[in-house]
Amino acid sequence: MLPIPAATTETQKTLFGLAEATQSAAEARRDLLAVVARRILTDLVPSGKSAKLSKSLADWHRLDFKTFQAELKKQYKTAIPLEDRDAWQAYLEKSRARITELNAEITRHEKVIDAEVYKLFKLTPEEIDLIEAGSAEGEGHSSEIGQRCRH
């Protein structure tokens, strides 16, 4: 086990700021996902049906609009009224774009946090490679961190 090195005040402030920014973006993403899910339940799911979205519709941000409509019809035997489709499509696309922005922001912050931690522990390129090899399977951004830490 590696001993935990003492971080400078500047490093502590950097990591704290990044952690706060990451948390803020994650909370904004969670809140937006919840708002859209509530709106789908309230406006599109017939009353008397499930009070919870199906798994596929809960992942609305991963569906294109045509697939979203098909899932809504499959799960709840209902369709978006023709006169409301353009508005729903625009709403979902705008919300999906914001989710994508928040995901990118979280990933950017995590990369910088990783780089700071690598520097804090004074990891060698070989050690960074070992860490990246283990985490690349699950996250996919670690190799870029290692490249930045080596410079």
N, C-alpha and C. Protein backbone atom coordinates (compact mmCIF):
# COMPACT_ATOMS: atom_id res chain seq x y z
N MET A 1 0.85 -1.18 0.00
CA MET A 1 0.00 0.00 0.00
C MET A 1 0.89 1.24 0.00
N LEU A 2 0.55 2.19 -0.84
CA LEU A 2 1.30 3.43 -0.91
C LEU A 2 0.89 4.36 0.23
N PRO A 3 1.88 5.00 0.84
CA PRO A 3 1.51 6.01 1.83
C PRO A 3 0.88 7.21 1.10
N ILE A 4 -0.04 7.85 1.74
CA ILE A 4 -0.71 9.00 1.12
C ILE A 4 0.17 10.22 1.33
N PRO A 5 0.64 10.83 0.24
CA PRO A 5 1.52 12.00 0.37
C PRO A 5 0.73 13.23 0.80
N ALA A 6 1.44 14.13 1.44
CA ALA A 6 0.83 15.40 1.82
C ALA A 6 0.72 16.27 0.57
N ALA A 7 -0.44 16.80 0.35
CA ALA A 7 -0.66 17.67 -0.81
C ALA A 7 -0.42 19.11 -0.42
N THR A 8 0.11 19.88 -1.35
CA THR A 8 0.28 21.30 -1.10
C THR A 8 -1.10 21.95 -1.02
N THR A 9 -1.14 23.12 -0.47
CA THR A 9 -2.40 23.86 -0.38
C THR A 9 -2.97 24.10 -1.78
N GLU A 10 -2.09 24.40 -2.72
CA GLU A 10 -2.54 24.64 -4.09
C GLU A 10 -3.16 23.37 -4.69
N THR A 11 -2.53 22.22 -4.48
CA THR A 11 -3.08 20.96 -4.98
C THR A 11 -4.40 20.65 -4.30
N GLN A 12 -4.47 20.88 -3.00
CA GLN A 12 -5.72 20.64 -2.28
C GLN A 12 -6.85 21.50 -2.85
N LYS A 13 -6.55 22.76 -3.09
CA LYS A 13 -7.56 23.67 -3.64
C LYS A 13 -7.98 23.23 -5.04
N THR A 14 -7.01 22.82 -5.84
CA THR A 14 -7.31 22.35 -7.19
C THR A 14 -8.22 21.13 -7.15
N LEU A 15 -7.83 20.14 -6.34
CA LEU A 15 -8.64 18.92 -6.25
C LEU A 15 -10.02 19.20 -5.67
N PHE A 16 -10.09 20.07 -4.68
CA PHE A 16 -11.39 20.41 -4.09
C PHE A 16 -12.28 21.09 -5.13
N GLY A 17 -11.72 22.03 -5.88
CA GLY A 17 -12.49 22.73 -6.91
C GLY A 17 -12.98 21.78 -7.99
N LEU A 18 -12.10 20.87 -8.40
CA LEU A 18 -12.49 19.89 -9.41
C LEU A 18 -13.55 18.94 -8.89
N ALA A 19 -13.41 18.51 -7.66
CA ALA A 19 -14.40 17.61 -7.06
C ALA A 19 -15.76 18.31 -6.97
N GLU A 20 -15.75 19.57 -6.56
CA GLU A 20 -17.01 20.32 -6.49
C GLU A 20 -17.64 20.49 -7.88
N ALA A 21 -16.82 20.81 -8.87
CA ALA A 21 -17.34 21.00 -10.23
C ALA A 21 -17.90 19.69 -10.78
N THR A 22 -17.20 18.59 -10.50
CA THR A 22 -17.68 17.28 -10.95
C THR A 22 -19.00 16.94 -10.28
N GLN A 23 -19.07 17.16 -8.98
CA GLN A 23 -20.30 16.88 -8.23
C GLN A 23 -21.45 17.74 -8.74
N SER A 24 -21.17 19.00 -9.00
CA SER A 24 -22.21 19.91 -9.49
C SER A 24 -22.75 19.44 -10.85
N ALA A 25 -21.85 19.06 -11.75
CA ALA A 25 -22.28 18.57 -13.06
C ALA A 25 -23.06 17.27 -12.93
N ALA A 26 -22.62 16.39 -12.05
CA ALA A 26 -23.33 15.11 -11.85
C ALA A 26 -24.72 15.35 -11.27
N GLU A 27 -24.84 16.30 -10.36
CA GLU A 27 -26.16 16.62 -9.79
C GLU A 27 -27.07 17.25 -10.85
N ALA A 28 -26.51 18.11 -11.68
CA ALA A 28 -27.30 18.73 -12.75
C ALA A 28 -27.79 17.65 -13.72
N ARG A 29 -26.93 16.70 -14.04
CA ARG A 29 -27.32 15.59 -14.92
C ARG A 29 -28.42 14.76 -14.28
N ARG A 30 -28.25 14.40 -13.00
CA ARG A 30 -29.27 13.62 -12.28
C ARG A 30 -30.60 14.36 -12.27
N ASP A 31 -30.56 15.65 -11.98
CA ASP A 31 -31.79 16.44 -11.91
C ASP A 31 -32.49 16.53 -13.26
N LEU A 32 -31.72 16.73 -14.32
CA LEU A 32 -32.32 16.81 -15.65
C LEU A 32 -32.93 15.47 -16.04
N LEU A 33 -32.24 14.38 -15.78
CA LEU A 33 -32.80 13.06 -16.07
C LEU A 33 -34.12 12.86 -15.32
N ALA A 34 -34.18 13.29 -14.07
CA ALA A 34 -35.39 13.13 -13.27
C ALA A 34 -36.52 14.02 -13.79
N VAL A 35 -36.21 15.25 -14.17
CA VAL A 35 -37.23 16.17 -14.68
C VAL A 35 -37.85 15.62 -15.96
N VAL A 36 -37.01 15.16 -16.86
CA VAL A 36 -37.53 14.63 -18.12
C VAL A 36 -38.34 13.35 -17.87
N ALA A 37 -37.86 12.49 -17.01
CA ALA A 37 -38.60 11.25 -16.69
C ALA A 37 -39.97 11.58 -16.10
N ARG A 38 -40.02 12.56 -15.19
CA ARG A 38 -41.31 12.96 -14.61
C ARG A 38 -42.24 13.51 -15.68
N ARG A 39 -41.67 14.30 -16.59
CA ARG A 39 -42.50 14.88 -17.65
C ARG A 39 -43.04 13.79 -18.57
N ILE A 40 -42.21 12.79 -18.89
CA ILE A 40 -42.68 11.67 -19.72
C ILE A 40 -43.82 10.95 -19.01
N LEU A 41 -43.63 10.67 -17.72
CA LEU A 41 -44.69 9.98 -16.96
C LEU A 41 -45.96 10.81 -16.89
N THR A 42 -45.81 12.08 -16.62
CA THR A 42 -46.97 12.96 -16.46
C THR A 42 -47.70 13.22 -17.77
N ASP A 43 -46.95 13.48 -18.83
CA ASP A 43 -47.57 13.92 -20.07
C ASP A 43 -47.84 12.81 -21.09
N LEU A 44 -47.09 11.72 -21.02
CA LEU A 44 -47.21 10.71 -22.08
C LEU A 44 -47.75 9.36 -21.62
N VAL A 45 -47.46 8.98 -20.40
CA VAL A 45 -47.91 7.67 -19.92
C VAL A 45 -49.36 7.81 -19.44
N PRO A 46 -50.25 7.00 -19.97
CA PRO A 46 -51.66 7.10 -19.56
C PRO A 46 -51.81 6.90 -18.05
N SER A 47 -52.71 7.67 -17.45
CA SER A 47 -52.95 7.51 -16.02
C SER A 47 -53.45 6.09 -15.75
N GLY A 48 -53.09 5.59 -14.59
CA GLY A 48 -53.45 4.23 -14.25
C GLY A 48 -52.39 3.23 -14.67
N LYS A 49 -51.44 3.67 -15.49
CA LYS A 49 -50.33 2.80 -15.89
C LYS A 49 -49.24 2.93 -14.83
N SER A 50 -48.11 2.35 -15.07
CA SER A 50 -47.00 2.32 -14.13
C SER A 50 -46.62 3.72 -13.66
N ALA A 51 -46.28 3.81 -12.39
CA ALA A 51 -45.81 5.08 -11.83
C ALA A 51 -44.31 5.22 -12.02
N LYS A 52 -43.74 4.27 -12.73
CA LYS A 52 -42.30 4.28 -12.97
C LYS A 52 -42.07 3.95 -14.44
N LEU A 53 -41.08 4.61 -15.04
CA LEU A 53 -40.77 4.35 -16.44
C LEU A 53 -40.11 2.98 -16.59
N SER A 54 -40.37 2.35 -17.72
CA SER A 54 -39.66 1.12 -18.03
C SER A 54 -38.17 1.45 -18.18
N LYS A 55 -37.34 0.44 -18.06
CA LYS A 55 -35.90 0.66 -18.16
C LYS A 55 -35.53 1.32 -19.49
N SER A 56 -36.12 0.85 -20.56
CA SER A 56 -35.79 1.42 -21.87
C SER A 56 -36.18 2.89 -21.96
N LEU A 57 -37.33 3.27 -21.42
CA LEU A 57 -37.73 4.68 -21.47
C LEU A 57 -37.00 5.53 -20.44
N ALA A 58 -36.57 4.91 -19.34
CA ALA A 58 -35.75 5.65 -18.37
C ALA A 58 -34.42 6.04 -19.00
N ASP A 59 -34.00 5.30 -20.00
CA ASP A 59 -32.78 5.62 -20.75
C ASP A 59 -33.11 6.42 -22.01
N TRP A 60 -34.10 7.27 -21.94
CA TRP A 60 -34.57 8.05 -23.07
C TRP A 60 -33.44 8.79 -23.78
N HIS A 61 -32.45 9.24 -23.02
CA HIS A 61 -31.36 10.03 -23.59
C HIS A 61 -30.44 9.19 -24.49
N ARG A 62 -30.60 7.88 -24.46
CA ARG A 62 -29.81 7.01 -25.33
C ARG A 62 -30.61 6.55 -26.56
N LEU A 63 -31.84 7.01 -26.67
CA LEU A 63 -32.71 6.59 -27.77
C LEU A 63 -32.90 7.73 -28.77
N ASP A 64 -32.93 7.38 -30.04
CA ASP A 64 -33.34 8.40 -31.00
C ASP A 64 -34.86 8.55 -30.88
N PHE A 65 -35.41 9.59 -31.49
CA PHE A 65 -36.83 9.89 -31.28
C PHE A 65 -37.74 8.78 -31.79
N LYS A 66 -37.39 8.21 -32.93
CA LYS A 66 -38.21 7.14 -33.50
C LYS A 66 -38.25 5.94 -32.54
N THR A 67 -37.10 5.58 -31.99
CA THR A 67 -37.04 4.46 -31.05
C THR A 67 -37.78 4.80 -29.76
N PHE A 68 -37.66 6.05 -29.31
CA PHE A 68 -38.39 6.49 -28.12
C PHE A 68 -39.89 6.31 -28.32
N GLN A 69 -40.39 6.76 -29.46
CA GLN A 69 -41.82 6.61 -29.76
C GLN A 69 -42.23 5.14 -29.79
N ALA A 70 -41.40 4.32 -30.40
CA ALA A 70 -41.71 2.89 -30.49
C ALA A 70 -41.75 2.25 -29.10
N GLU A 71 -40.82 2.63 -28.24
CA GLU A 71 -40.80 2.10 -26.87
C GLU A 71 -42.01 2.55 -26.07
N LEU A 72 -42.40 3.80 -26.25
CA LEU A 72 -43.57 4.33 -25.57
C LEU A 72 -44.82 3.53 -25.98
N LYS A 73 -44.93 3.28 -27.26
CA LYS A 73 -46.07 2.52 -27.76
C LYS A 73 -46.02 1.07 -27.26
N LYS A 74 -44.85 0.47 -27.28
CA LYS A 74 -44.68 -0.92 -26.85
C LYS A 74 -44.97 -1.08 -25.36
N GLN A 75 -44.43 -0.18 -24.54
CA GLN A 75 -44.55 -0.31 -23.09
C GLN A 75 -45.91 0.12 -22.56
N TYR A 76 -46.46 1.19 -23.12
CA TYR A 76 -47.66 1.78 -22.54
C TYR A 76 -48.85 1.85 -23.50
N LYS A 77 -48.68 1.28 -24.68
CA LYS A 77 -49.78 1.24 -25.67
C LYS A 77 -50.34 2.63 -25.94
N THR A 78 -49.43 3.59 -26.05
CA THR A 78 -49.84 4.97 -26.32
C THR A 78 -48.84 5.60 -27.28
N ALA A 79 -49.31 6.61 -27.99
CA ALA A 79 -48.45 7.33 -28.93
C ALA A 79 -48.47 8.81 -28.59
N ILE A 80 -47.41 9.49 -28.96
CA ILE A 80 -47.37 10.94 -28.80
C ILE A 80 -48.31 11.52 -29.85
N PRO A 81 -49.26 12.36 -29.42
CA PRO A 81 -50.17 12.95 -30.40
C PRO A 81 -49.39 13.65 -31.53
N LEU A 82 -49.86 13.50 -32.73
CA LEU A 82 -49.19 14.05 -33.90
C LEU A 82 -48.84 15.53 -33.72
N GLU A 83 -49.78 16.30 -33.19
CA GLU A 83 -49.55 17.74 -33.04
C GLU A 83 -48.49 18.07 -31.98
N ASP A 84 -48.13 17.10 -31.14
CA ASP A 84 -47.13 17.33 -30.08
C ASP A 84 -45.76 16.73 -30.42
N ARG A 85 -45.66 15.99 -31.50
CA ARG A 85 -44.41 15.27 -31.79
C ARG A 85 -43.21 16.18 -32.00
N ASP A 86 -43.40 17.25 -32.75
CA ASP A 86 -42.27 18.15 -32.99
C ASP A 86 -41.77 18.76 -31.68
N ALA A 87 -42.68 19.17 -30.83
CA ALA A 87 -42.30 19.76 -29.55
C ALA A 87 -41.58 18.74 -28.67
N TRP A 88 -42.10 17.51 -28.62
CA TRP A 88 -41.45 16.46 -27.83
C TRP A 88 -40.07 16.13 -28.38
N GLN A 89 -39.97 16.06 -29.70
CA GLN A 89 -38.68 15.75 -30.29
C GLN A 89 -37.67 16.84 -29.96
N ALA A 90 -38.07 18.09 -30.09
CA ALA A 90 -37.17 19.21 -29.77
C ALA A 90 -36.78 19.19 -28.29
N TYR A 91 -37.74 18.94 -27.43
CA TYR A 91 -37.49 18.89 -25.98
C TYR A 91 -36.50 17.77 -25.64
N LEU A 92 -36.72 16.60 -26.18
CA LEU A 92 -35.83 15.47 -25.89
C LEU A 92 -34.44 15.69 -26.48
N GLU A 93 -34.37 16.25 -27.68
CA GLU A 93 -33.07 16.51 -28.29
C GLU A 93 -32.28 17.56 -27.52
N LYS A 94 -32.96 18.60 -27.09
CA LYS A 94 -32.29 19.65 -26.29
C LYS A 94 -31.82 19.07 -24.96
N SER A 95 -32.65 18.28 -24.32
CA SER A 95 -32.29 17.66 -23.05
C SER A 95 -31.15 16.66 -23.23
N ARG A 96 -31.19 15.90 -24.31
CA ARG A 96 -30.13 14.93 -24.61
C ARG A 96 -28.80 15.66 -24.84
N ALA A 97 -28.84 16.76 -25.54
CA ALA A 97 -27.62 17.54 -25.79
C ALA A 97 -27.04 18.05 -24.48
N ARG A 98 -27.90 18.47 -23.57
CA ARG A 98 -27.41 18.95 -22.27
C ARG A 98 -26.80 17.80 -21.47
N ILE A 99 -27.42 16.62 -21.52
CA ILE A 99 -26.86 15.45 -20.84
C ILE A 99 -25.47 15.14 -21.41
N THR A 100 -25.33 15.21 -22.72
CA THR A 100 -24.05 14.96 -23.37
C THR A 100 -23.01 15.98 -22.92
N GLU A 101 -23.40 17.24 -22.84
CA GLU A 101 -22.49 18.29 -22.35
C GLU A 101 -22.04 18.01 -20.92
N LEU A 102 -22.99 17.65 -20.07
CA LEU A 102 -22.66 17.37 -18.68
C LEU A 102 -21.75 16.15 -18.55
N ASN A 103 -22.02 15.13 -19.34
CA ASN A 103 -21.15 13.94 -19.33
C ASN A 103 -19.72 14.31 -19.74
N ALA A 104 -19.59 15.15 -20.77
CA ALA A 104 -18.27 15.58 -21.22
C ALA A 104 -17.57 16.41 -20.15
N GLU A 105 -18.33 17.27 -19.49
CA GLU A 105 -17.77 18.09 -18.41
C GLU A 105 -17.26 17.21 -17.27
N ILE A 106 -18.05 16.24 -16.88
CA ILE A 106 -17.65 15.31 -15.82
C ILE A 106 -16.38 14.57 -16.22
N THR A 107 -16.33 14.08 -17.44
CA THR A 107 -15.16 13.36 -17.92
C THR A 107 -13.92 14.25 -17.92
N ARG A 108 -14.07 15.50 -18.37
CA ARG A 108 -12.93 16.44 -18.36
C ARG A 108 -12.40 16.63 -16.94
N HIS A 109 -13.31 16.85 -16.00
CA HIS A 109 -12.89 17.05 -14.61
C HIS A 109 -12.21 15.81 -14.06
N GLU A 110 -12.77 14.65 -14.36
CA GLU A 110 -12.18 13.40 -13.86
C GLU A 110 -10.77 13.20 -14.41
N LYS A 111 -10.55 13.56 -15.66
CA LYS A 111 -9.23 13.44 -16.26
C LYS A 111 -8.22 14.31 -15.53
N VAL A 112 -8.61 15.52 -15.21
CA VAL A 112 -7.70 16.43 -14.51
C VAL A 112 -7.45 15.94 -13.09
N ILE A 113 -8.49 15.44 -12.43
CA ILE A 113 -8.32 14.88 -11.08
C ILE A 113 -7.33 13.72 -11.14
N ASP A 114 -7.51 12.83 -12.09
CA ASP A 114 -6.59 11.70 -12.23
C ASP A 114 -5.16 12.19 -12.42
N ALA A 115 -4.96 13.17 -13.29
CA ALA A 115 -3.63 13.70 -13.55
C ALA A 115 -3.02 14.30 -12.28
N GLU A 116 -3.81 15.03 -11.52
CA GLU A 116 -3.32 15.61 -10.28
C GLU A 116 -2.91 14.53 -9.27
N VAL A 117 -3.70 13.49 -9.20
CA VAL A 117 -3.39 12.39 -8.28
C VAL A 117 -2.13 11.67 -8.73
N TYR A 118 -1.97 11.46 -10.02
CA TYR A 118 -0.74 10.84 -10.53
C TYR A 118 0.47 11.67 -10.11
N LYS A 119 0.36 12.99 -10.28
CA LYS A 119 1.47 13.88 -9.89
C LYS A 119 1.70 13.83 -8.39
N LEU A 120 0.63 13.84 -7.62
CA LEU A 120 0.73 13.83 -6.17
C LEU A 120 1.50 12.59 -5.68
N PHE A 121 1.23 11.46 -6.29
CA PHE A 121 1.89 10.22 -5.90
C PHE A 121 3.22 10.02 -6.63
N LYS A 122 3.59 10.98 -7.49
CA LYS A 122 4.85 10.91 -8.24
C LYS A 122 4.99 9.57 -8.95
N LEU A 123 3.93 9.20 -9.62
CA LEU A 123 3.94 7.92 -10.32
C LEU A 123 4.84 7.98 -11.56
N THR A 124 5.50 6.89 -11.82
CA THR A 124 6.33 6.77 -13.01
C THR A 124 5.43 6.45 -14.20
N PRO A 125 5.95 6.65 -15.41
CA PRO A 125 5.15 6.29 -16.59
C PRO A 125 4.72 4.82 -16.57
N GLU A 126 5.57 3.95 -16.06
CA GLU A 126 5.22 2.53 -15.99
C GLU A 126 4.06 2.30 -15.02
N GLU A 127 4.09 2.97 -13.88
CA GLU A 127 3.01 2.83 -12.91
C GLU A 127 1.69 3.38 -13.46
N ILE A 128 1.80 4.49 -14.16
CA ILE A 128 0.62 5.09 -14.78
C ILE A 128 0.04 4.12 -15.81
N ASP A 129 0.93 3.51 -16.59
CA ASP A 129 0.47 2.54 -17.59
C ASP A 129 -0.26 1.37 -16.94
N LEU A 130 0.25 0.89 -15.81
CA LEU A 130 -0.42 -0.21 -15.10
C LEU A 130 -1.81 0.20 -14.64
N ILE A 131 -1.92 1.39 -14.09
CA ILE A 131 -3.21 1.89 -13.63
C ILE A 131 -4.17 2.05 -14.81
N GLU A 132 -3.65 2.64 -15.88
CA GLU A 132 -4.49 2.86 -17.06
C GLU A 132 -4.95 1.55 -17.67
N ALA A 133 -4.08 0.58 -17.70
CA ALA A 133 -4.46 -0.71 -18.28
C ALA A 133 -5.62 -1.32 -17.51
N GLY A 134 -5.62 -1.15 -16.20
CA GLY A 134 -6.70 -1.68 -15.38
C GLY A 134 -7.98 -0.88 -15.47
N SER A 135 -7.85 0.44 -15.61
CA SER A 135 -9.06 1.26 -15.63
C SER A 135 -9.57 1.54 -17.04
N ALA A 136 -8.75 1.32 -18.05
CA ALA A 136 -9.18 1.58 -19.43
C ALA A 136 -10.36 0.71 -19.83
N GLU A 137 -10.45 -0.47 -19.25
CA GLU A 137 -11.57 -1.36 -19.58
C GLU A 137 -12.89 -0.75 -19.13
N GLY A 138 -12.88 -0.06 -18.00
CA GLY A 138 -14.13 0.46 -17.46
C GLY A 138 -14.42 1.90 -17.80
N GLU A 139 -13.39 2.70 -18.08
CA GLU A 139 -13.65 4.12 -18.23
C GLU A 139 -13.22 4.69 -19.56
N GLY A 140 -12.15 4.20 -20.12
CA GLY A 140 -11.76 4.64 -21.45
C GLY A 140 -11.04 5.95 -21.56
N HIS A 141 -10.77 6.67 -20.48
CA HIS A 141 -10.08 7.95 -20.62
C HIS A 141 -8.72 7.98 -19.95
N SER A 142 -8.31 6.93 -19.32
CA SER A 142 -7.09 6.96 -18.53
C SER A 142 -5.82 7.12 -19.34
N SER A 143 -5.76 6.60 -20.57
CA SER A 143 -4.53 6.70 -21.33
C SER A 143 -4.18 8.15 -21.63
N GLU A 144 -5.17 8.99 -21.84
CA GLU A 144 -4.90 10.41 -22.07
C GLU A 144 -4.33 11.06 -20.82
N ILE A 145 -4.80 10.64 -19.67
CA ILE A 145 -4.31 11.20 -18.41
C ILE A 145 -2.82 10.90 -18.27
N GLY A 146 -2.47 9.66 -18.50
CA GLY A 146 -1.08 9.27 -18.39
C GLY A 146 -0.20 10.08 -19.31
N GLN A 147 -0.66 10.33 -20.52
CA GLN A 147 0.13 11.13 -21.47
C GLN A 147 0.37 12.53 -20.92
N ARG A 148 -0.64 13.14 -20.34
CA ARG A 148 -0.50 14.50 -19.81
C ARG A 148 0.41 14.52 -18.60
N CYS A 149 0.36 13.45 -17.75
CA CYS A 149 1.16 13.42 -16.54
C CYS A 149 2.64 13.26 -16.85
N ARG A 150 2.93 12.65 -17.98
CA ARG A 150 4.33 12.41 -18.33
C ARG A 150 5.00 13.66 -18.84
N HIS A 151 4.23 14.68 -19.16
CA HIS A 151 4.82 15.90 -19.75
C HIS A 151 5.00 16.98 -18.74
